[in-house]
Amino acid sequence: MVTLGFLIALEIAARHYGLPGPMTSQAREVIFAPKSGFLLYASMGLMMLVLTWRQRFIALGVAIGIDIVFVLVRWAVDAKMSFGNGALWVVLGCAVIALTRRTGNERALLLKGVGLGLLLVTGRKTGDAWLLITSKTRPMVLDPYLATADHALGNPSWLVGRLVRATGPIGTHLLDWVYAQLAVAAVVVALYQLRKVSVERRFPRHHLVRTFLVIGVVGPAIYMIFPVVGPIFAYGTGAFGTGGEHWAIANLWPDTPPPISPPHPVLYDEITPRNCMPSLHTAWATAIFIHSRKGPRALRFAGTFWLVATLTATLGFGYHYGVDLIAGVVFALTIEAALRSFDRGWNRAGIQMVAYGTTVFAALLVSYRYLPMKMATHPWLFGPLLLLAMASVIHVYMRTTRLWEPKAAPAPRPEPQPELV
């Protein structure tokens, strides 16, 4: 009920600004061209975890068949080409089957699978609605504060931006694909975590999808407190008005770091999302990295690659400042610790970890807002302090979660055998 109320509130807020909300957007994709076919098929993959192998092959075949029909119709009427409708139809069809043909635990399990798949798509639509609301309700942005504070870290976005540009189209296209398909990477890890659902007929207490969704729901609320558009928009060529006017403060990114001067809020357009603080792509990639640690070597390698590539893309494309990434890591670890503590039952270690992570995150926001000049003029002090604050949260998280790991019981010592005379 809480989730439904939240979605209805977002729907009303989005419609107030003349655009469809998350519920309308998802309903439109039953017929119209989906925004991301990969995401819809990934959501169907999550739903299929509760099915048998025979049912999975049937569901996949039906989804592909429906998509072929949609593609042929779109081609005939010269409409926008896309795919993914078939996957959404299959997920909704399984919901109907659960309500009409299943009973007891089987109905509950299939509905949970459907809900998990739909929540992944709804999370994406919810994020889009949040971004719209930030651009409409926060005309002033605080980019000068973060750009000034970023001097303490050596302006990493400007540095990585030049490095990515030097790699040419190959590096740019690879990073762009990694950045855009982060949700699909999360599904791959989740599929491994939930691979035994069809056999055990139950979901594990905690898995990546839950962390992913909570980050996506809670994170945008911080955008409302600290609206920031990012270096490529505030200091580059990222946004132009309908009349061709350039909204950037100056055209500096990525060649020339902004000068150190007292920051102040600046007016920006009503289109560009204020979605930098914290970096949710960093938070999501951190969650993927954490949840891939207990997988096979290939999955661990993929989790590490996705984290490094995502951090490189967020900085190299000018979407985030370095201080955004530090806040994103702290935010992700705090959310993950809170969810794990909730599942295990709150204890002293869990409460301390969540309280510490929340305190550090709040301290970062306050320092970015009220101490940017001191951070910029004393980089050798504040740069290490920022990294140390992040490292301390990582250390506390690792120490706390290590206490939660089941300890192997020592093997019983063999009793001495009596000597034979």
Protein backbone atom coordinates (compact mmCIF):
# COMPACT_ATOMS: atom_id res chain seq x y z
CA MET A 1 0.00 0.00 0.00
CA VAL A 2 2.87 2.38 0.77
CA THR A 3 4.41 1.71 -2.66
CA LEU A 4 1.07 2.22 -4.40
CA GLY A 5 0.47 5.49 -2.55
CA PHE A 6 3.96 6.69 -3.47
CA LEU A 7 3.38 5.88 -7.16
CA ILE A 8 0.01 7.65 -7.14
CA ALA A 9 1.59 10.74 -5.58
CA LEU A 10 4.31 10.78 -8.26
CA GLU A 11 1.69 10.28 -10.96
CA ILE A 12 -0.25 13.31 -9.72
CA ALA A 13 2.90 15.42 -9.43
CA ALA A 14 4.05 14.54 -12.96
CA ARG A 15 0.62 15.24 -14.45
CA HIS A 16 0.64 18.62 -12.69
CA TYR A 17 3.55 19.49 -14.99
CA GLY A 18 1.82 18.13 -18.08
CA LEU A 19 3.71 14.85 -18.48
CA PRO A 20 2.73 11.22 -17.83
CA GLY A 21 3.77 9.72 -14.50
CA PRO A 22 5.34 6.30 -13.82
CA MET A 23 2.07 4.35 -13.88
CA THR A 24 0.89 5.89 -17.15
CA SER A 25 4.29 5.46 -18.77
CA GLN A 26 4.41 1.78 -17.91
CA ALA A 27 0.82 1.20 -19.06
CA ARG A 28 1.58 2.84 -22.43
CA GLU A 29 4.32 0.31 -23.11
CA VAL A 30 1.73 -2.45 -23.40
CA ILE A 31 1.02 -1.07 -26.90
CA PHE A 32 3.41 1.77 -27.71
CA ALA A 33 7.17 1.56 -28.28
CA PRO A 34 8.99 0.88 -24.98
CA LYS A 35 11.79 3.14 -23.82
CA SER A 36 14.06 0.17 -23.03
CA GLY A 37 13.38 -3.27 -24.44
CA PHE A 38 16.44 -4.65 -22.70
CA LEU A 39 15.02 -3.61 -19.33
CA LEU A 40 11.65 -5.23 -20.07
CA TYR A 41 13.30 -8.51 -21.02
CA ALA A 42 15.47 -8.28 -17.92
CA SER A 43 12.34 -7.83 -15.79
CA MET A 44 10.78 -10.86 -17.49
CA GLY A 45 13.96 -12.79 -16.69
CA LEU A 46 13.50 -11.99 -13.00
CA MET A 47 9.89 -13.11 -13.15
CA MET A 48 10.85 -16.38 -14.85
CA LEU A 49 12.95 -17.40 -11.86
CA VAL A 50 9.80 -18.82 -10.28
CA LEU A 51 8.98 -20.90 -13.39
CA THR A 52 10.17 -24.34 -14.43
CA TRP A 53 12.55 -24.65 -17.35
CA ARG A 54 9.74 -25.76 -19.65
CA GLN A 55 7.63 -22.78 -18.62
CA ARG A 56 10.61 -20.45 -19.14
CA PHE A 57 11.11 -21.61 -22.73
CA ILE A 58 7.41 -21.20 -23.43
CA ALA A 59 7.34 -17.70 -21.89
CA LEU A 60 10.42 -16.60 -23.84
CA GLY A 61 9.01 -17.98 -27.09
CA VAL A 62 5.69 -16.20 -26.56
CA ALA A 63 7.47 -12.91 -25.77
CA ILE A 64 9.62 -13.10 -28.90
CA GLY A 65 6.61 -14.04 -31.02
CA ILE A 66 4.60 -11.07 -29.76
CA ASP A 67 7.53 -8.74 -30.36
CA ILE A 68 7.90 -10.00 -33.95
CA VAL A 69 4.25 -9.13 -34.57
CA PHE A 70 4.71 -5.65 -33.07
CA VAL A 71 7.85 -5.03 -35.14
CA LEU A 72 6.09 -6.07 -38.36
CA VAL A 73 3.14 -3.78 -37.60
CA ARG A 74 5.43 -0.86 -36.79
CA TRP A 75 7.39 -1.48 -39.97
CA ALA A 76 4.16 -1.55 -42.01
CA VAL A 77 2.90 1.75 -40.60
CA ASP A 78 6.37 3.34 -40.53
CA ALA A 79 6.27 3.84 -36.75
CA LYS A 80 9.18 4.03 -34.34
CA MET A 81 10.94 0.66 -34.21
CA SER A 82 11.40 -0.87 -30.77
CA PHE A 83 10.95 -4.13 -28.89
CA GLY A 84 10.01 -5.30 -25.42
CA ASN A 85 6.22 -5.27 -25.59
CA GLY A 86 6.19 -9.06 -25.72
CA ALA A 87 8.13 -9.32 -22.46
CA LEU A 88 5.67 -7.00 -20.71
CA TRP A 89 2.72 -8.97 -22.10
CA VAL A 90 4.19 -12.21 -20.74
CA VAL A 91 4.73 -10.71 -17.28
CA LEU A 92 1.17 -9.41 -17.17
CA GLY A 93 -0.12 -12.72 -18.52
CA CYS A 94 1.62 -14.59 -15.71
CA ALA A 95 -0.14 -12.29 -13.23
CA VAL A 96 -3.49 -13.28 -14.76
CA ILE A 97 -2.54 -16.96 -14.63
CA ALA A 98 -1.53 -16.62 -10.97
CA LEU A 99 -4.89 -15.10 -10.06
CA THR A 100 -7.03 -17.49 -12.12
CA ARG A 101 -5.14 -20.78 -12.32
CA ARG A 102 -2.94 -20.98 -9.21
CA THR A 103 -3.74 -21.36 -5.51
CA GLY A 104 -1.93 -21.25 -2.18
CA ASN A 105 1.86 -21.02 -2.15
CA GLU A 106 2.14 -21.41 -5.94
CA ARG A 107 -0.06 -18.37 -6.50
CA ALA A 108 1.89 -16.33 -3.95
CA LEU A 109 5.25 -17.33 -5.46
CA LEU A 110 4.20 -16.49 -9.02
CA LEU A 111 2.76 -13.15 -7.92
CA LYS A 112 6.00 -12.36 -6.11
CA GLY A 113 7.90 -13.11 -9.31
CA VAL A 114 5.59 -10.86 -11.32
CA GLY A 115 5.87 -8.13 -8.70
CA LEU A 116 9.66 -8.34 -8.74
CA GLY A 117 9.76 -7.98 -12.51
CA LEU A 118 7.30 -5.08 -12.57
CA LEU A 119 9.09 -3.31 -9.72
CA LEU A 120 12.27 -3.20 -11.76
CA VAL A 121 10.49 -1.38 -14.59
CA THR A 122 8.48 0.77 -12.18
CA GLY A 123 11.69 1.81 -10.46
CA ARG A 124 12.99 3.12 -13.79
CA LYS A 125 9.74 4.99 -14.46
CA THR A 126 9.73 6.37 -10.93
CA GLY A 127 13.25 7.70 -11.44
CA ASP A 128 12.19 9.44 -14.65
CA ALA A 129 9.29 11.11 -12.83
CA TRP A 130 11.58 12.23 -10.01
CA LEU A 131 13.99 13.78 -12.52
CA LEU A 132 11.15 15.71 -14.13
CA ILE A 133 10.04 17.03 -10.75
CA THR A 134 13.56 18.18 -9.85
CA SER A 135 13.91 20.15 -13.07
CA LYS A 136 10.54 21.84 -12.62
CA THR A 137 10.71 22.62 -8.90
CA ARG A 138 14.39 23.53 -8.45
CA PRO A 139 15.22 26.37 -10.86
CA MET A 140 18.43 27.25 -8.96
CA VAL A 141 21.32 24.79 -9.00
CA LEU A 142 24.32 24.48 -6.69
CA ASP A 143 26.96 23.41 -9.22
CA PRO A 144 29.41 26.19 -8.30
CA TYR A 145 29.58 24.79 -4.76
CA LEU A 146 30.52 21.29 -5.95
CA ALA A 147 32.86 22.57 -8.64
CA THR A 148 34.68 24.57 -5.99
CA ALA A 149 34.77 21.71 -3.49
CA ASP A 150 36.03 19.40 -6.25
CA HIS A 151 39.32 21.30 -6.30
CA ALA A 152 40.16 19.39 -3.11
CA LEU A 153 40.17 16.19 -5.20
CA GLY A 154 42.05 17.67 -8.14
CA ASN A 155 39.00 18.19 -10.40
CA PRO A 156 38.72 14.51 -11.40
CA SER A 157 35.86 15.07 -13.86
CA TRP A 158 38.02 17.41 -15.92
CA LEU A 159 40.97 14.99 -15.83
CA VAL A 160 38.98 11.85 -16.68
CA GLY A 161 37.01 13.77 -19.30
CA ARG A 162 40.22 14.48 -21.20
CA LEU A 163 41.35 10.86 -20.83
CA VAL A 164 38.06 9.49 -22.18
CA ARG A 165 38.18 11.91 -25.10
CA ALA A 166 41.68 10.68 -25.87
CA THR A 167 40.44 7.06 -26.17
CA GLY A 168 38.37 8.00 -29.20
CA PRO A 169 35.03 6.49 -30.26
CA ILE A 170 35.81 2.95 -29.07
CA GLY A 171 36.31 3.88 -25.42
CA THR A 172 33.44 6.36 -25.53
CA HIS A 173 30.95 3.85 -26.97
CA LEU A 174 31.99 1.14 -24.51
CA LEU A 175 31.59 3.41 -21.49
CA ASP A 176 28.32 4.76 -22.82
CA TRP A 177 26.94 1.22 -23.15
CA VAL A 178 28.08 0.31 -19.63
CA TYR A 179 26.53 3.48 -18.23
CA ALA A 180 23.20 2.97 -20.00
CA GLN A 181 22.82 -0.74 -19.21
CA LEU A 182 23.48 -0.60 -15.47
CA ALA A 183 20.04 -2.06 -14.67
CA VAL A 184 20.71 -5.03 -16.95
CA ALA A 185 23.99 -5.69 -15.11
CA ALA A 186 22.05 -5.65 -11.84
CA VAL A 187 19.63 -8.23 -13.24
CA VAL A 188 22.53 -10.53 -14.16
CA VAL A 189 23.76 -10.48 -10.56
CA ALA A 190 20.20 -10.86 -9.25
CA LEU A 191 19.61 -13.86 -11.52
CA TYR A 192 22.58 -15.58 -9.91
CA GLN A 193 21.40 -14.72 -6.40
CA LEU A 194 17.86 -15.94 -7.09
CA ARG A 195 18.78 -18.98 -9.20
CA LYS A 196 17.42 -21.46 -6.62
CA VAL A 197 13.99 -19.88 -6.24
CA SER A 198 12.31 -22.33 -8.63
CA VAL A 199 13.70 -25.27 -6.64
CA GLU A 200 13.31 -23.98 -3.08
CA ARG A 201 9.98 -22.26 -3.92
CA ARG A 202 10.87 -19.20 -1.87
CA PHE A 203 12.87 -15.98 -2.23
CA PRO A 204 15.97 -15.27 -0.11
CA ARG A 205 15.64 -12.66 2.62
CA HIS A 206 17.93 -10.15 0.90
CA HIS A 207 19.06 -9.69 -2.69
CA LEU A 208 20.33 -6.99 -5.02
CA VAL A 209 16.98 -5.97 -6.50
CA ARG A 210 15.78 -4.68 -3.13
CA THR A 211 18.89 -2.52 -2.66
CA PHE A 212 18.64 -1.29 -6.24
CA LEU A 213 15.03 -0.19 -5.83
CA VAL A 214 15.52 1.48 -2.44
CA ILE A 215 18.49 3.47 -3.77
CA GLY A 216 16.36 4.58 -6.72
CA VAL A 217 13.45 5.65 -4.52
CA VAL A 218 15.34 7.38 -1.67
CA GLY A 219 18.19 8.91 -3.69
CA PRO A 220 16.15 11.39 -5.76
CA ALA A 221 14.80 12.93 -2.55
CA ILE A 222 18.36 14.19 -1.95
CA TYR A 223 18.24 15.85 -5.39
CA MET A 224 15.50 18.09 -4.04
CA ILE A 225 17.78 19.17 -1.17
CA PHE A 226 20.96 19.58 -3.22
CA PRO A 227 20.02 20.26 -6.91
CA VAL A 228 23.00 19.89 -9.24
CA VAL A 229 23.10 19.34 -13.03
CA GLY A 230 26.73 18.26 -13.54
CA PRO A 231 29.93 19.58 -15.19
CA ILE A 232 28.93 18.95 -18.82
CA PHE A 233 25.79 21.06 -18.31
CA ALA A 234 27.01 23.73 -15.91
CA TYR A 235 30.49 24.16 -17.41
CA GLY A 236 30.23 22.58 -20.86
CA THR A 237 28.01 22.33 -23.91
CA GLY A 238 25.32 20.06 -22.46
CA ALA A 239 22.20 22.27 -22.47
CA PHE A 240 20.81 24.87 -24.85
CA GLY A 241 17.48 26.64 -24.62
CA THR A 242 14.79 26.60 -27.28
CA GLY A 243 16.11 29.90 -28.56
CA GLY A 244 19.68 28.66 -28.70
CA GLU A 245 20.80 30.38 -25.49
CA HIS A 246 23.55 28.55 -23.62
CA TRP A 247 22.67 27.79 -20.00
CA ALA A 248 26.22 26.94 -18.90
CA ILE A 249 28.00 29.21 -16.45
CA ALA A 250 31.08 29.02 -18.69
CA ASN A 251 32.30 26.72 -21.45
CA LEU A 252 35.22 25.14 -19.56
CA TRP A 253 34.68 21.36 -19.36
CA PRO A 254 36.88 19.34 -19.78
CA ASP A 255 39.83 21.50 -20.81
CA THR A 256 39.96 24.19 -18.13
CA PRO A 257 38.97 23.66 -14.47
CA PRO A 258 36.72 26.43 -13.13
CA PRO A 259 38.51 29.18 -11.18
CA ILE A 260 38.34 29.22 -7.42
CA SER A 261 35.85 31.91 -6.42
CA PRO A 262 33.08 32.25 -3.81
CA PRO A 263 30.21 30.07 -5.09
CA HIS A 264 26.55 31.02 -5.33
CA PRO A 265 23.38 29.37 -6.68
CA VAL A 266 22.73 29.89 -10.40
CA LEU A 267 19.55 29.76 -12.49
CA TYR A 268 19.22 26.87 -14.92
CA ASP A 269 16.64 25.59 -17.42
CA GLU A 270 13.46 23.65 -16.60
CA ILE A 271 14.45 20.56 -18.59
CA THR A 272 17.80 19.28 -17.33
CA PRO A 273 17.43 16.95 -14.30
CA ARG A 274 19.14 17.99 -11.06
CA ASN A 275 20.44 14.46 -10.53
CA CYS A 276 24.06 14.66 -9.41
CA MET A 277 24.15 14.68 -5.62
CA PRO A 278 24.62 11.88 -4.76
CA SER A 279 25.69 9.92 -7.83
CA LEU A 280 23.10 7.13 -7.96
CA HIS A 281 24.95 5.42 -10.80
CA THR A 282 27.90 5.15 -8.42
CA ALA A 283 25.60 3.90 -5.65
CA TRP A 284 24.04 1.27 -7.94
CA ALA A 285 27.42 0.15 -9.28
CA THR A 286 28.68 -0.14 -5.69
CA ALA A 287 25.67 -2.32 -4.82
CA ILE A 288 26.37 -4.53 -7.85
CA PHE A 289 29.99 -4.86 -6.74
CA ILE A 290 28.99 -5.82 -3.19
CA HIS A 291 26.44 -8.43 -4.26
CA SER A 292 28.76 -9.98 -6.83
CA ARG A 293 31.45 -10.78 -4.23
CA LYS A 294 29.97 -14.18 -3.35
CA GLY A 295 29.51 -15.29 -6.93
CA PRO A 296 31.86 -17.23 -9.20
CA ARG A 297 35.04 -15.64 -10.47
CA ALA A 298 33.45 -14.44 -13.72
CA LEU A 299 30.68 -12.66 -11.81
CA ARG A 300 33.15 -11.07 -9.40
CA PHE A 301 35.22 -9.85 -12.33
CA ALA A 302 32.11 -8.47 -14.04
CA GLY A 303 31.06 -6.66 -10.84
CA THR A 304 34.49 -5.07 -10.53
CA PHE A 305 34.56 -4.10 -14.20
CA TRP A 306 31.10 -2.52 -13.99
CA LEU A 307 32.07 -0.49 -10.94
CA VAL A 308 35.29 0.83 -12.48
CA ALA A 309 33.68 1.49 -15.86
CA THR A 310 30.71 3.26 -14.28
CA LEU A 311 32.94 5.51 -12.18
CA THR A 312 34.99 6.31 -15.30
CA ALA A 313 31.86 7.06 -17.33
CA THR A 314 30.24 9.29 -14.71
CA LEU A 315 33.36 11.43 -14.55
CA GLY A 316 34.53 11.08 -18.15
CA PHE A 317 31.21 12.15 -19.67
CA GLY A 318 30.94 15.11 -17.32
CA TYR A 319 27.80 13.82 -15.60
CA HIS A 320 29.22 14.08 -12.07
CA TYR A 321 31.82 15.77 -9.92
CA GLY A 322 34.28 13.74 -7.87
CA VAL A 323 32.55 14.70 -4.63
CA ASP A 324 29.31 13.19 -6.01
CA LEU A 325 30.97 9.80 -6.29
CA ILE A 326 32.22 9.86 -2.70
CA ALA A 327 28.70 10.66 -1.50
CA GLY A 328 27.31 7.90 -3.73
CA VAL A 329 29.54 5.24 -2.19
CA VAL A 330 28.64 6.30 1.36
CA PHE A 331 24.95 6.41 0.43
CA ALA A 332 25.00 2.89 -1.09
CA LEU A 333 26.79 1.30 1.87
CA THR A 334 24.38 2.93 4.33
CA ILE A 335 21.32 1.70 2.40
CA GLU A 336 22.75 -1.79 2.07
CA ALA A 337 23.56 -1.97 5.79
CA ALA A 338 20.08 -0.74 6.70
CA LEU A 339 18.37 -3.38 4.53
CA ARG A 340 20.54 -6.18 5.86
CA SER A 341 19.96 -5.04 9.44
CA PHE A 342 16.21 -4.95 8.83
CA ASP A 343 16.28 -8.54 7.53
CA ARG A 344 18.46 -9.86 10.34
CA GLY A 345 16.79 -7.92 13.10
CA TRP A 346 18.31 -4.68 14.33
CA ASN A 347 21.26 -5.10 16.66
CA ARG A 348 23.89 -2.78 18.05
CA ALA A 349 26.38 -3.29 15.21
CA GLY A 350 23.76 -2.65 12.53
CA ILE A 351 22.41 0.46 14.23
CA GLN A 352 25.92 1.86 14.68
CA MET A 353 26.79 1.26 11.02
CA VAL A 354 23.64 2.92 9.70
CA ALA A 355 24.00 5.83 12.11
CA TYR A 356 27.65 6.31 11.17
CA GLY A 357 26.97 6.16 7.44
CA THR A 358 24.09 8.62 7.77
CA THR A 359 26.24 10.99 9.82
CA VAL A 360 29.11 10.92 7.32
CA PHE A 361 26.72 11.43 4.40
CA ALA A 362 25.10 14.42 6.11
CA ALA A 363 28.54 15.83 6.97
CA LEU A 364 29.56 15.56 3.31
CA LEU A 365 26.49 17.49 2.16
CA VAL A 366 27.03 20.19 4.79
CA SER A 367 30.72 20.56 3.93
CA TYR A 368 30.00 20.79 0.19
CA ARG A 369 27.43 23.52 0.84
CA TYR A 370 29.17 25.61 3.49
CA LEU A 371 32.91 24.86 3.24
CA PRO A 372 33.71 24.70 -0.50
CA MET A 373 36.13 27.64 -0.44
CA LYS A 374 38.11 26.19 2.44
CA MET A 375 38.17 22.81 0.67
CA ALA A 376 39.41 24.40 -2.55
CA THR A 377 42.11 26.53 -0.91
CA HIS A 378 43.38 23.69 1.31
CA PRO A 379 43.25 20.66 -1.01
CA TRP A 380 46.07 18.77 0.73
CA LEU A 381 43.98 18.77 3.92
CA PHE A 382 40.41 18.32 2.67
CA GLY A 383 41.16 15.96 -0.23
CA PRO A 384 42.59 13.25 2.04
CA LEU A 385 39.84 13.96 4.60
CA LEU A 386 37.12 13.29 2.00
CA LEU A 387 38.77 10.03 0.94
CA LEU A 388 39.33 9.07 4.57
CA ALA A 389 35.65 9.68 5.38
CA MET A 390 34.62 7.35 2.55
CA ALA A 391 37.22 4.77 3.51
CA SER A 392 36.04 4.83 7.12
CA VAL A 393 32.47 4.00 6.06
CA ILE A 394 33.79 1.16 3.89
CA HIS A 395 35.81 -0.15 6.85
CA VAL A 396 32.89 0.01 9.28
CA TYR A 397 30.61 -1.68 6.75
CA MET A 398 33.09 -4.51 6.16
CA ARG A 399 33.69 -4.97 9.88
CA THR A 400 29.95 -5.01 10.59
CA THR A 401 29.01 -7.43 7.83
CA ARG A 402 31.91 -9.70 8.80
CA LEU A 403 30.31 -10.06 12.22
CA TRP A 404 27.11 -11.22 10.50
CA GLU A 405 28.81 -13.96 8.53
CA PRO A 406 28.13 -17.47 9.86
CA LYS A 407 31.19 -18.82 11.60
CA ALA A 408 32.26 -22.34 10.80
CA ALA A 409 32.04 -24.63 13.79
CA PRO A 410 35.35 -26.28 14.70
CA ALA A 411 35.63 -29.93 13.75
CA PRO A 412 35.24 -32.27 16.75
CA ARG A 413 38.51 -33.65 18.01
CA PRO A 414 38.74 -37.42 17.68
CA GLU A 415 38.67 -39.21 20.99
CA PRO A 416 41.80 -41.22 21.81
CA GLN A 417 41.45 -44.90 21.10
CA PRO A 418 42.51 -47.39 23.76
CA GLU A 419 45.73 -49.16 22.99
CA LEU A 420 45.51 -52.80 22.11
CA VAL A 421 47.59 -55.01 24.32
